[in-house]
Amino acid sequence: MQKDLRKANIGIIIDDTDLDIENCNDVYGEEENIIYCLGTSEITPKEMQRKIMEYDTEDDWSSHVPNIIRTMLCENIVRESKENKRKCEKFNNIKYIETSQNREKVLNQIVKDLEDKI
């Protein structure tokens, strides 16, 4: 990222899959905060697992868990993403962003969006 977000007075970036949408809105939902919810609601758990295994490296969390655990995690992640996408529609200040198709393109788009806002 070429722009220093600290100069724009952006204090924190939260990466927490356990933070629920309503709680996030209650705690961080002030107008000056920029909130994105990244999810994978447009993919099946089997597709997610296939992609994980395709791109997996020794450094990834997923390379160290048994297949059955990875399957259950993928099912949970997709289910929670679908629910989060639905919940985000209730809040004008939380933008749901789908990352299942082209994560790098999406993340670059988020950086551009942040640069435009600050």
N, C-alpha and C. Protein backbone atom coordinates (compact mmCIF):
# COMPACT_ATOMS: atom_id res chain seq x y z
N MET A 1 0.85 -1.16 0.00
CA MET A 1 0.00 0.00 0.00
C MET A 1 0.90 1.23 0.00
N GLN A 2 0.68 2.10 -0.95
CA GLN A 2 1.54 3.27 -1.07
C GLN A 2 1.14 4.40 -0.13
N LYS A 3 -0.12 4.47 0.23
CA LYS A 3 -0.58 5.54 1.09
C LYS A 3 -0.47 5.10 2.56
N ASP A 4 0.07 5.97 3.39
CA ASP A 4 0.19 5.67 4.81
C ASP A 4 -1.15 5.98 5.48
N LEU A 5 -1.88 4.94 5.86
CA LEU A 5 -3.21 5.14 6.42
C LEU A 5 -3.18 5.85 7.76
N ARG A 6 -2.04 5.81 8.45
CA ARG A 6 -1.95 6.51 9.74
C ARG A 6 -2.07 8.02 9.55
N LYS A 7 -1.62 8.54 8.41
CA LYS A 7 -1.74 9.97 8.14
C LYS A 7 -3.19 10.39 7.99
N ALA A 8 -4.04 9.45 7.62
CA ALA A 8 -5.46 9.75 7.47
C ALA A 8 -6.21 9.50 8.77
N ASN A 9 -5.48 9.27 9.84
CA ASN A 9 -6.06 9.05 11.16
C ASN A 9 -6.90 7.77 11.21
N ILE A 10 -6.48 6.75 10.48
CA ILE A 10 -7.12 5.44 10.58
C ILE A 10 -6.38 4.68 11.67
N GLY A 11 -7.08 4.38 12.74
CA GLY A 11 -6.43 3.84 13.91
C GLY A 11 -6.20 2.35 13.91
N ILE A 12 -7.18 1.56 13.47
CA ILE A 12 -7.01 0.11 13.57
C ILE A 12 -7.66 -0.59 12.39
N ILE A 13 -7.17 -1.76 12.13
CA ILE A 13 -7.81 -2.69 11.21
C ILE A 13 -8.06 -3.95 12.00
N ILE A 14 -9.30 -4.40 12.04
CA ILE A 14 -9.67 -5.57 12.81
C ILE A 14 -9.84 -6.73 11.85
N ASP A 15 -9.16 -7.81 12.12
CA ASP A 15 -9.31 -9.03 11.34
C ASP A 15 -9.74 -10.10 12.32
N ASP A 16 -11.04 -10.25 12.49
CA ASP A 16 -11.53 -11.16 13.51
C ASP A 16 -12.79 -11.86 13.00
N THR A 17 -12.67 -13.13 12.69
CA THR A 17 -13.82 -13.87 12.19
C THR A 17 -14.85 -14.15 13.28
N ASP A 18 -14.52 -13.90 14.54
CA ASP A 18 -15.46 -14.14 15.63
C ASP A 18 -16.25 -12.91 16.03
N LEU A 19 -15.98 -11.77 15.42
CA LEU A 19 -16.71 -10.54 15.75
C LEU A 19 -18.00 -10.51 14.96
N ASP A 20 -19.13 -10.54 15.65
CA ASP A 20 -20.38 -10.57 14.89
C ASP A 20 -20.77 -9.18 14.41
N ILE A 21 -21.57 -9.14 13.35
CA ILE A 21 -21.88 -7.90 12.64
C ILE A 21 -22.56 -6.89 13.56
N GLU A 22 -23.54 -7.34 14.34
CA GLU A 22 -24.24 -6.41 15.23
C GLU A 22 -23.28 -5.82 16.26
N ASN A 23 -22.42 -6.65 16.83
CA ASN A 23 -21.44 -6.19 17.81
C ASN A 23 -20.49 -5.20 17.16
N CYS A 24 -20.03 -5.50 15.97
CA CYS A 24 -19.13 -4.61 15.24
C CYS A 24 -19.79 -3.25 15.03
N ASN A 25 -21.06 -3.27 14.64
CA ASN A 25 -21.77 -2.01 14.43
C ASN A 25 -21.92 -1.24 15.73
N ASP A 26 -22.24 -1.94 16.82
CA ASP A 26 -22.39 -1.28 18.12
C ASP A 26 -21.09 -0.63 18.58
N VAL A 27 -19.98 -1.34 18.39
CA VAL A 27 -18.70 -0.87 18.90
C VAL A 27 -18.02 0.12 17.95
N TYR A 28 -18.07 -0.16 16.64
CA TYR A 28 -17.30 0.62 15.67
C TYR A 28 -18.17 1.33 14.63
N GLY A 29 -19.49 1.31 14.80
CA GLY A 29 -20.39 1.78 13.77
C GLY A 29 -20.54 3.28 13.61
N GLU A 30 -19.63 4.04 14.20
CA GLU A 30 -19.69 5.49 14.04
C GLU A 30 -19.42 5.84 12.58
N GLU A 31 -19.96 6.97 12.14
CA GLU A 31 -19.86 7.36 10.74
C GLU A 31 -18.44 7.49 10.22
N GLU A 32 -17.51 7.90 11.07
CA GLU A 32 -16.15 8.11 10.57
C GLU A 32 -15.36 6.81 10.39
N ASN A 33 -15.88 5.71 10.89
CA ASN A 33 -15.20 4.43 10.72
C ASN A 33 -15.56 3.80 9.38
N ILE A 34 -14.58 3.14 8.79
CA ILE A 34 -14.78 2.41 7.54
C ILE A 34 -14.77 0.94 7.90
N ILE A 35 -15.87 0.24 7.63
CA ILE A 35 -15.99 -1.15 8.03
C ILE A 35 -16.28 -2.02 6.81
N TYR A 36 -15.44 -3.03 6.60
CA TYR A 36 -15.65 -4.02 5.56
C TYR A 36 -15.82 -5.39 6.22
N CYS A 37 -16.72 -6.16 5.72
CA CYS A 37 -16.87 -7.55 6.14
C CYS A 37 -16.48 -8.41 4.94
N LEU A 38 -15.37 -9.13 5.06
CA LEU A 38 -14.91 -9.99 3.99
C LEU A 38 -15.51 -11.38 4.19
N GLY A 39 -16.03 -11.95 3.11
CA GLY A 39 -16.65 -13.26 3.25
C GLY A 39 -16.56 -14.10 1.99
N THR A 40 -17.02 -15.32 2.14
CA THR A 40 -16.99 -16.29 1.05
C THR A 40 -18.36 -16.95 0.92
N SER A 41 -19.37 -16.15 0.64
CA SER A 41 -20.74 -16.66 0.59
C SER A 41 -21.12 -17.24 -0.77
N GLU A 42 -20.31 -16.99 -1.79
CA GLU A 42 -20.66 -17.42 -3.14
C GLU A 42 -19.82 -18.62 -3.60
N ILE A 43 -19.50 -19.48 -2.66
CA ILE A 43 -18.70 -20.66 -2.95
C ILE A 43 -19.24 -21.78 -2.07
N THR A 44 -19.14 -23.00 -2.53
CA THR A 44 -19.55 -24.13 -1.69
C THR A 44 -18.38 -24.51 -0.78
N PRO A 45 -18.68 -25.17 0.32
CA PRO A 45 -17.58 -25.63 1.19
C PRO A 45 -16.59 -26.53 0.46
N LYS A 46 -17.09 -27.37 -0.45
CA LYS A 46 -16.18 -28.24 -1.21
C LYS A 46 -15.28 -27.43 -2.13
N GLU A 47 -15.84 -26.40 -2.78
CA GLU A 47 -15.02 -25.53 -3.63
C GLU A 47 -13.98 -24.80 -2.80
N MET A 48 -14.38 -24.33 -1.63
CA MET A 48 -13.44 -23.64 -0.75
C MET A 48 -12.30 -24.57 -0.35
N GLN A 49 -12.64 -25.77 0.01
CA GLN A 49 -11.59 -26.72 0.42
C GLN A 49 -10.66 -27.02 -0.76
N ARG A 50 -11.21 -27.17 -1.95
CA ARG A 50 -10.38 -27.43 -3.13
C ARG A 50 -9.41 -26.27 -3.36
N LYS A 51 -9.91 -25.03 -3.25
CA LYS A 51 -9.04 -23.87 -3.43
C LYS A 51 -7.96 -23.80 -2.35
N ILE A 52 -8.34 -24.08 -1.13
CA ILE A 52 -7.37 -24.07 -0.04
C ILE A 52 -6.26 -25.06 -0.33
N MET A 53 -6.63 -26.26 -0.71
CA MET A 53 -5.62 -27.29 -0.96
C MET A 53 -4.77 -26.95 -2.20
N GLU A 54 -5.37 -26.28 -3.17
CA GLU A 54 -4.64 -25.91 -4.37
C GLU A 54 -3.54 -24.90 -4.06
N TYR A 55 -3.83 -23.95 -3.18
CA TYR A 55 -2.89 -22.87 -2.89
C TYR A 55 -2.16 -23.03 -1.56
N ASP A 56 -2.42 -24.11 -0.87
CA ASP A 56 -1.85 -24.34 0.45
C ASP A 56 -0.31 -24.41 0.41
N THR A 57 0.30 -23.79 1.41
CA THR A 57 1.74 -23.92 1.59
C THR A 57 1.99 -24.39 3.03
N GLU A 58 3.21 -24.71 3.34
CA GLU A 58 3.57 -25.14 4.70
C GLU A 58 3.26 -24.08 5.75
N ASP A 59 3.26 -22.82 5.34
CA ASP A 59 3.03 -21.72 6.28
C ASP A 59 1.56 -21.47 6.57
N ASP A 60 0.66 -22.05 5.81
CA ASP A 60 -0.77 -21.83 5.99
C ASP A 60 -1.32 -22.66 7.13
N TRP A 61 -2.28 -22.08 7.86
CA TRP A 61 -2.91 -22.79 8.97
C TRP A 61 -3.52 -24.09 8.50
N SER A 62 -4.06 -24.09 7.27
CA SER A 62 -4.81 -25.23 6.78
C SER A 62 -3.95 -26.43 6.45
N SER A 63 -2.66 -26.24 6.31
CA SER A 63 -1.78 -27.37 6.00
C SER A 63 -1.49 -28.24 7.23
N HIS A 64 -1.89 -27.76 8.40
CA HIS A 64 -1.57 -28.46 9.64
C HIS A 64 -2.79 -29.08 10.33
N VAL A 65 -3.91 -29.10 9.62
CA VAL A 65 -5.11 -29.69 10.23
C VAL A 65 -5.57 -30.88 9.40
N PRO A 66 -6.17 -31.86 10.05
CA PRO A 66 -6.68 -33.01 9.32
C PRO A 66 -7.79 -32.60 8.34
N ASN A 67 -7.96 -33.38 7.31
CA ASN A 67 -8.94 -33.09 6.27
C ASN A 67 -10.35 -32.91 6.83
N ILE A 68 -10.75 -33.74 7.78
CA ILE A 68 -12.10 -33.65 8.35
C ILE A 68 -12.31 -32.32 9.06
N ILE A 69 -11.28 -31.84 9.75
CA ILE A 69 -11.36 -30.54 10.43
C ILE A 69 -11.45 -29.41 9.41
N ARG A 70 -10.63 -29.49 8.37
CA ARG A 70 -10.65 -28.47 7.32
C ARG A 70 -12.03 -28.44 6.65
N THR A 71 -12.63 -29.60 6.43
CA THR A 71 -13.97 -29.67 5.83
C THR A 71 -14.99 -28.98 6.73
N MET A 72 -14.94 -29.27 8.01
CA MET A 72 -15.89 -28.64 8.95
C MET A 72 -15.67 -27.13 9.02
N LEU A 73 -14.43 -26.70 9.03
CA LEU A 73 -14.14 -25.27 9.06
C LEU A 73 -14.66 -24.57 7.81
N CYS A 74 -14.48 -25.19 6.65
CA CYS A 74 -14.99 -24.60 5.40
C CYS A 74 -16.51 -24.49 5.44
N GLU A 75 -17.18 -25.51 5.95
CA GLU A 75 -18.64 -25.47 6.07
C GLU A 75 -19.06 -24.31 6.98
N ASN A 76 -18.37 -24.16 8.11
CA ASN A 76 -18.69 -23.08 9.04
C ASN A 76 -18.43 -21.70 8.43
N ILE A 77 -17.31 -21.56 7.75
CA ILE A 77 -16.95 -20.27 7.16
C ILE A 77 -17.96 -19.84 6.11
N VAL A 78 -18.35 -20.76 5.24
CA VAL A 78 -19.33 -20.43 4.19
C VAL A 78 -20.68 -20.09 4.82
N ARG A 79 -21.12 -20.89 5.78
CA ARG A 79 -22.40 -20.64 6.45
C ARG A 79 -22.38 -19.26 7.14
N GLU A 80 -21.31 -18.97 7.87
CA GLU A 80 -21.22 -17.68 8.56
C GLU A 80 -21.11 -16.51 7.57
N SER A 81 -20.43 -16.72 6.46
CA SER A 81 -20.33 -15.67 5.45
C SER A 81 -21.69 -15.33 4.87
N LYS A 82 -22.51 -16.34 4.60
CA LYS A 82 -23.86 -16.10 4.08
C LYS A 82 -24.68 -15.31 5.09
N GLU A 83 -24.56 -15.68 6.34
CA GLU A 83 -25.29 -14.96 7.40
C GLU A 83 -24.78 -13.53 7.53
N ASN A 84 -23.46 -13.35 7.50
CA ASN A 84 -22.89 -12.00 7.61
C ASN A 84 -23.29 -11.12 6.43
N LYS A 85 -23.32 -11.70 5.24
CA LYS A 85 -23.75 -10.93 4.07
C LYS A 85 -25.17 -10.41 4.26
N ARG A 86 -26.05 -11.28 4.75
CA ARG A 86 -27.44 -10.89 5.02
C ARG A 86 -27.50 -9.80 6.09
N LYS A 87 -26.71 -9.95 7.15
CA LYS A 87 -26.72 -8.96 8.23
C LYS A 87 -26.16 -7.62 7.77
N CYS A 88 -25.15 -7.63 6.92
CA CYS A 88 -24.53 -6.38 6.46
C CYS A 88 -25.53 -5.51 5.69
N GLU A 89 -26.51 -6.15 5.07
CA GLU A 89 -27.51 -5.40 4.32
C GLU A 89 -28.33 -4.49 5.23
N LYS A 90 -28.37 -4.77 6.53
CA LYS A 90 -29.12 -3.95 7.50
C LYS A 90 -28.39 -2.65 7.85
N PHE A 91 -27.07 -2.63 7.64
CA PHE A 91 -26.26 -1.51 8.10
C PHE A 91 -25.64 -0.78 6.91
N ASN A 92 -25.85 0.52 6.85
CA ASN A 92 -25.28 1.31 5.76
C ASN A 92 -23.78 1.47 5.88
N ASN A 93 -23.25 1.32 7.07
CA ASN A 93 -21.83 1.59 7.31
C ASN A 93 -20.94 0.35 7.30
N ILE A 94 -21.51 -0.82 7.01
CA ILE A 94 -20.72 -2.04 6.92
C ILE A 94 -20.90 -2.61 5.52
N LYS A 95 -19.81 -2.67 4.79
CA LYS A 95 -19.86 -3.13 3.40
C LYS A 95 -19.38 -4.58 3.32
N TYR A 96 -20.24 -5.47 2.82
CA TYR A 96 -19.86 -6.86 2.63
C TYR A 96 -19.09 -6.99 1.31
N ILE A 97 -17.96 -7.68 1.35
CA ILE A 97 -17.14 -7.87 0.16
C ILE A 97 -16.85 -9.36 -0.01
N GLU A 98 -17.22 -9.87 -1.18
CA GLU A 98 -17.01 -11.28 -1.51
C GLU A 98 -15.56 -11.51 -1.93
N THR A 99 -14.91 -12.47 -1.30
CA THR A 99 -13.49 -12.74 -1.61
C THR A 99 -13.24 -14.12 -2.22
N SER A 100 -14.30 -14.87 -2.49
CA SER A 100 -14.09 -16.26 -2.90
C SER A 100 -13.59 -16.44 -4.33
N GLN A 101 -13.78 -15.46 -5.19
CA GLN A 101 -13.41 -15.67 -6.59
C GLN A 101 -11.99 -15.20 -6.92
N ASN A 102 -11.68 -13.95 -6.61
CA ASN A 102 -10.35 -13.43 -6.93
C ASN A 102 -9.89 -12.55 -5.77
N ARG A 103 -9.36 -13.17 -4.75
CA ARG A 103 -9.02 -12.48 -3.51
C ARG A 103 -8.05 -11.32 -3.73
N GLU A 104 -7.02 -11.52 -4.54
CA GLU A 104 -6.03 -10.46 -4.77
C GLU A 104 -6.67 -9.24 -5.43
N LYS A 105 -7.51 -9.47 -6.41
CA LYS A 105 -8.21 -8.37 -7.08
C LYS A 105 -9.10 -7.62 -6.09
N VAL A 106 -9.80 -8.37 -5.27
CA VAL A 106 -10.71 -7.77 -4.29
C VAL A 106 -9.93 -6.94 -3.27
N LEU A 107 -8.83 -7.48 -2.77
CA LEU A 107 -8.04 -6.74 -1.79
C LEU A 107 -7.44 -5.48 -2.39
N ASN A 108 -7.01 -5.54 -3.63
CA ASN A 108 -6.53 -4.32 -4.32
C ASN A 108 -7.65 -3.30 -4.48
N GLN A 109 -8.86 -3.79 -4.74
CA GLN A 109 -10.02 -2.91 -4.86
C GLN A 109 -10.32 -2.22 -3.52
N ILE A 110 -10.18 -2.94 -2.43
CA ILE A 110 -10.40 -2.37 -1.10
C ILE A 110 -9.37 -1.27 -0.83
N VAL A 111 -8.11 -1.53 -1.16
CA VAL A 111 -7.06 -0.52 -0.97
C VAL A 111 -7.38 0.73 -1.78
N LYS A 112 -7.82 0.55 -3.01
CA LYS A 112 -8.17 1.70 -3.86
C LYS A 112 -9.35 2.45 -3.25
N ASP A 113 -10.34 1.72 -2.77
CA ASP A 113 -11.51 2.34 -2.14
C ASP A 113 -11.08 3.15 -0.91
N LEU A 114 -10.18 2.58 -0.10
CA LEU A 114 -9.69 3.31 1.09
C LEU A 114 -8.93 4.56 0.68
N GLU A 115 -8.09 4.44 -0.35
CA GLU A 115 -7.34 5.60 -0.81
C GLU A 115 -8.27 6.70 -1.29
N ASP A 116 -9.35 6.34 -1.97
CA ASP A 116 -10.33 7.32 -2.43
C ASP A 116 -11.05 8.01 -1.27
N LYS A 117 -11.28 7.26 -0.20
CA LYS A 117 -12.01 7.80 0.96
C LYS A 117 -11.16 8.68 1.83
N ILE A 118 -9.84 8.43 1.82
CA ILE A 118 -8.98 9.22 2.70
C ILE A 118 -8.25 10.18 1.87
